[in-house]
Amino acid sequence: MATLKSLINEIEQLCKKELATLGFYRKRGVFIKDIDSGNLGWLGLNRATYKAEGVVDVHPVVGIINTEVEQLASTWSGSNVVRDFSPTVTEPLYFLITGGKYISWRFFQNGNTAGIVHNLREAVSDYGLPVMEKLGDKSILLEWLLGRPGKLNEAYNRYRIPAVYVLLGEKEKAREYIRSVLEQLSEDPNPYQKQWSEKYAEVMLKI
């Protein structure tokens, strides 16, 4: 009987092989795909293991790295996020398929691992890749970032959103957004937030 460790290894190797047919390559624990000169597709395969049942669940998350946005945001924040391959925006794959109903890819010891991985590959192709390509448009990327407050790295998105505005040639909208962030933070009694907002204002109000 296959062990859980060997099942996980089999899943990883088959995913690497199947996703390579879509142009994905492994980088620092995630899968990356070159979309165009300024955008990288991002795919994370989160995993949950249930040792007693001999089950592994895979939860794919798709997204995009806009390298121009990340470079600006990295410069303003003093972060090394560009080198870490952090996505600019993400969405669970199941949400793109069902609109919200949760699903995962479940693997069993001595089950049809290759068939399930292929199904995952098809889902990424049919639902993930079109979103990655769409998000290459900065106007659409901005809509996603603005429409997902608090969903992923809210504090860091306070740098990303002005970056998109600047890259779209809309500096005044970037400034309006920055002022709204500072106004919101001014009402927070948390001393850490006050310290953070002062640092944020020092850098961002110069834009």
Protein backbone atom coordinates (compact mmCIF):
# COMPACT_ATOMS: atom_id res chain seq x y z
CA MET A 1 0.00 0.00 0.00
CA ALA A 2 1.25 3.49 -0.86
CA THR A 3 2.17 5.66 2.09
CA LEU A 4 0.85 9.21 2.49
CA LYS A 5 4.36 10.53 1.90
CA SER A 6 4.69 8.63 -1.36
CA LEU A 7 1.22 9.82 -2.41
CA ILE A 8 2.22 13.44 -1.84
CA ASN A 9 5.41 12.91 -3.83
CA GLU A 10 3.43 11.32 -6.67
CA ILE A 11 0.98 14.25 -6.71
CA GLU A 12 3.83 16.76 -6.82
CA GLN A 13 5.64 15.01 -9.65
CA LEU A 14 2.49 14.54 -11.72
CA CYS A 15 1.43 18.17 -11.17
CA LYS A 16 4.83 19.37 -12.29
CA LYS A 17 4.58 17.24 -15.43
CA GLU A 18 0.96 18.11 -16.28
CA LEU A 19 1.28 21.84 -15.58
CA ALA A 20 4.44 22.03 -17.70
CA THR A 21 2.22 21.29 -20.70
CA LEU A 22 0.51 24.63 -19.98
CA GLY A 23 3.81 26.47 -19.70
CA PHE A 24 4.12 26.48 -15.90
CA TYR A 25 7.44 25.99 -14.15
CA ARG A 26 8.19 25.51 -10.46
CA LYS A 27 9.65 28.48 -8.60
CA ARG A 28 10.01 28.83 -4.82
CA GLY A 29 7.17 26.48 -3.99
CA VAL A 30 4.65 27.79 -6.54
CA PHE A 31 4.05 27.44 -10.28
CA ILE A 32 4.83 30.39 -12.54
CA LYS A 33 3.87 30.98 -16.17
CA ASP A 34 5.11 33.74 -18.47
CA ILE A 35 2.01 35.60 -19.70
CA ASP A 36 3.67 38.61 -21.37
CA SER A 37 6.62 40.94 -20.77
CA GLY A 38 5.04 42.49 -17.67
CA ASN A 39 2.93 39.69 -16.20
CA LEU A 40 3.53 36.26 -14.69
CA GLY A 41 0.79 33.76 -14.05
CA TRP A 42 0.86 32.43 -10.47
CA LEU A 43 -0.50 29.10 -9.22
CA GLY A 44 -0.29 27.86 -5.66
CA LEU A 45 -1.31 24.32 -4.74
CA ASN A 46 -2.25 24.46 -1.07
CA ARG A 47 -2.45 21.06 0.55
CA ALA A 48 -4.24 19.46 3.48
CA THR A 49 -3.42 15.93 4.63
CA TYR A 50 -5.59 13.55 6.64
CA LYS A 51 -3.28 10.80 7.83
CA ALA A 52 -5.93 8.63 9.48
CA GLU A 53 -8.00 8.50 6.29
CA GLY A 54 -5.01 8.36 3.94
CA VAL A 55 -6.33 11.40 2.07
CA VAL A 56 -4.69 14.47 0.55
CA ASP A 57 -6.73 17.49 -0.51
CA VAL A 58 -5.26 20.02 -2.95
CA HIS A 59 -6.66 23.54 -3.03
CA PRO A 60 -5.40 25.46 -6.10
CA VAL A 61 -5.19 29.25 -5.97
CA VAL A 62 -4.57 31.21 -9.16
CA GLY A 63 -3.30 34.73 -9.59
CA ILE A 64 -0.94 37.05 -11.39
CA ILE A 65 2.24 38.93 -10.67
CA ASN A 66 2.34 42.29 -12.43
CA THR A 67 6.05 43.01 -12.31
CA GLU A 68 5.70 46.80 -12.77
CA VAL A 69 3.17 47.07 -9.95
CA GLU A 70 5.26 44.88 -7.65
CA GLN A 71 8.43 46.85 -8.40
CA LEU A 72 6.80 50.16 -7.49
CA ALA A 73 5.10 48.72 -4.42
CA SER A 74 8.36 47.08 -3.35
CA THR A 75 10.24 50.37 -3.69
CA TRP A 76 7.67 52.33 -1.69
CA SER A 77 7.27 49.73 1.07
CA GLY A 78 10.91 48.67 1.34
CA SER A 79 9.86 45.04 0.86
CA ASN A 80 11.56 42.25 -1.10
CA VAL A 81 8.20 40.98 -2.38
CA VAL A 82 9.34 40.92 -6.02
CA ARG A 83 12.06 38.40 -5.22
CA ASP A 84 9.58 36.35 -3.20
CA PHE A 85 7.19 35.91 -6.16
CA SER A 86 4.23 37.20 -4.17
CA PRO A 87 1.11 37.50 -6.37
CA THR A 88 -0.43 40.89 -7.02
CA VAL A 89 -3.90 39.37 -6.78
CA THR A 90 -5.25 35.84 -6.29
CA GLU A 91 -8.49 33.87 -6.35
CA PRO A 92 -9.21 30.27 -5.28
CA LEU A 93 -9.73 28.17 -8.38
CA TYR A 94 -12.95 26.72 -7.00
CA PHE A 95 -14.45 30.21 -6.84
CA LEU A 96 -13.82 30.72 -10.56
CA ILE A 97 -15.48 27.37 -11.30
CA THR A 98 -18.49 27.44 -8.97
CA GLY A 99 -18.84 31.12 -8.02
CA GLY A 100 -18.33 30.32 -4.36
CA LYS A 101 -19.23 26.70 -3.62
CA TYR A 102 -16.15 25.05 -2.15
CA ILE A 103 -14.48 22.17 -3.97
CA SER A 104 -11.02 20.61 -3.76
CA TRP A 105 -9.10 17.89 -5.55
CA ARG A 106 -9.06 14.86 -3.26
CA PHE A 107 -6.48 12.11 -3.59
CA PHE A 108 -6.59 8.67 -1.98
CA GLN A 109 -3.87 6.13 -1.40
CA ASN A 110 -3.92 3.65 -4.31
CA GLY A 111 -6.47 5.88 -6.09
CA ASN A 112 -6.43 7.31 -9.61
CA THR A 113 -3.85 9.98 -8.85
CA ALA A 114 -2.91 10.60 -12.48
CA GLY A 115 -6.55 11.06 -13.50
CA ILE A 116 -7.25 13.56 -10.72
CA VAL A 117 -4.11 15.55 -11.50
CA HIS A 118 -5.12 15.68 -15.15
CA ASN A 119 -8.55 16.97 -14.10
CA LEU A 120 -6.83 19.67 -12.05
CA ARG A 121 -4.72 20.59 -15.08
CA GLU A 122 -7.86 20.93 -17.21
CA ALA A 123 -9.50 23.16 -14.59
CA VAL A 124 -6.45 25.43 -14.51
CA SER A 125 -6.50 25.59 -18.30
CA ASP A 126 -10.23 26.28 -18.59
CA TYR A 127 -10.74 28.63 -15.65
CA GLY A 128 -7.37 29.80 -14.32
CA LEU A 129 -5.49 30.79 -17.47
CA PRO A 130 -8.25 33.04 -18.88
CA VAL A 131 -8.30 35.01 -15.61
CA MET A 132 -4.50 35.32 -15.57
CA GLU A 133 -4.57 36.69 -19.11
CA LYS A 134 -7.44 39.06 -18.31
CA LEU A 135 -5.62 40.45 -15.29
CA GLY A 136 -2.77 41.51 -17.55
CA ASP A 137 -4.96 44.53 -18.29
CA LYS A 138 -4.12 47.02 -15.54
CA SER A 139 -7.63 48.51 -15.55
CA ILE A 140 -9.09 45.07 -14.78
CA LEU A 141 -6.34 44.41 -12.25
CA LEU A 142 -7.27 47.65 -10.48
CA GLU A 143 -10.95 46.61 -10.33
CA TRP A 144 -9.95 43.31 -8.69
CA LEU A 145 -7.72 45.00 -6.13
CA LEU A 146 -10.34 47.61 -5.24
CA GLY A 147 -13.08 44.98 -5.08
CA ARG A 148 -11.26 42.76 -2.60
CA PRO A 149 -10.46 44.88 0.47
CA GLY A 150 -8.94 42.81 3.23
CA LYS A 151 -8.94 39.64 1.17
CA LEU A 152 -5.21 39.36 0.60
CA ASN A 153 -2.45 41.48 2.11
CA GLU A 154 -4.63 44.53 2.73
CA ALA A 155 -1.74 46.57 4.10
CA TYR A 156 0.47 45.78 1.12
CA ASN A 157 -2.36 46.49 -1.32
CA ARG A 158 -2.26 50.06 -0.02
CA TYR A 159 0.95 50.28 -2.02
CA ARG A 160 -0.22 48.19 -4.98
CA ILE A 161 -3.36 50.20 -5.71
CA PRO A 162 -1.57 53.58 -6.01
CA ALA A 163 1.05 51.81 -8.15
CA VAL A 164 -1.61 50.72 -10.65
CA TYR A 165 -3.08 54.22 -10.73
CA VAL A 166 0.37 55.70 -11.41
CA LEU A 167 1.08 53.17 -14.17
CA LEU A 168 -2.29 54.04 -15.74
CA GLY A 169 -1.25 57.70 -15.75
CA GLU A 170 -3.76 58.67 -13.06
CA LYS A 171 -1.57 60.18 -10.33
CA GLU A 172 -4.35 62.32 -8.88
CA LYS A 173 -6.50 59.24 -8.31
CA ALA A 174 -3.48 57.63 -6.65
CA ARG A 175 -3.22 60.62 -4.32
CA GLU A 176 -6.95 60.52 -3.58
CA TYR A 177 -6.67 56.86 -2.67
CA ILE A 178 -3.65 57.53 -0.42
CA ARG A 179 -5.50 60.33 1.38
CA SER A 180 -8.49 58.04 1.93
CA VAL A 181 -6.23 55.38 3.44
CA LEU A 182 -4.66 57.91 5.80
CA GLU A 183 -8.07 59.22 6.81
CA GLN A 184 -9.25 55.70 7.57
CA LEU A 185 -6.14 54.92 9.59
CA SER A 186 -6.41 58.16 11.58
CA GLU A 187 -9.55 56.75 13.21
CA ASP A 188 -7.78 53.59 14.37
CA PRO A 189 -6.63 53.76 18.03
CA ASN A 190 -4.07 51.00 17.54
CA PRO A 191 -0.60 52.56 18.14
CA TYR A 192 0.94 50.20 15.57
CA GLN A 193 -1.44 51.52 12.92
CA LYS A 194 -0.49 55.09 13.85
CA GLN A 195 3.18 54.28 13.44
CA TRP A 196 2.50 52.49 10.15
CA SER A 197 0.41 55.36 8.80
CA GLU A 198 3.13 57.90 9.60
CA LYS A 199 5.68 55.86 7.66
CA TYR A 200 3.16 55.37 4.82
CA ALA A 201 2.40 59.09 4.64
CA GLU A 202 6.09 60.03 4.61
CA VAL A 203 6.66 57.95 1.47
CA MET A 204 3.34 58.04 -0.36
CA LEU A 205 2.41 61.71 -0.10
CA LYS A 206 5.45 62.50 -2.25
CA ILE A 207 3.91 60.76 -5.27
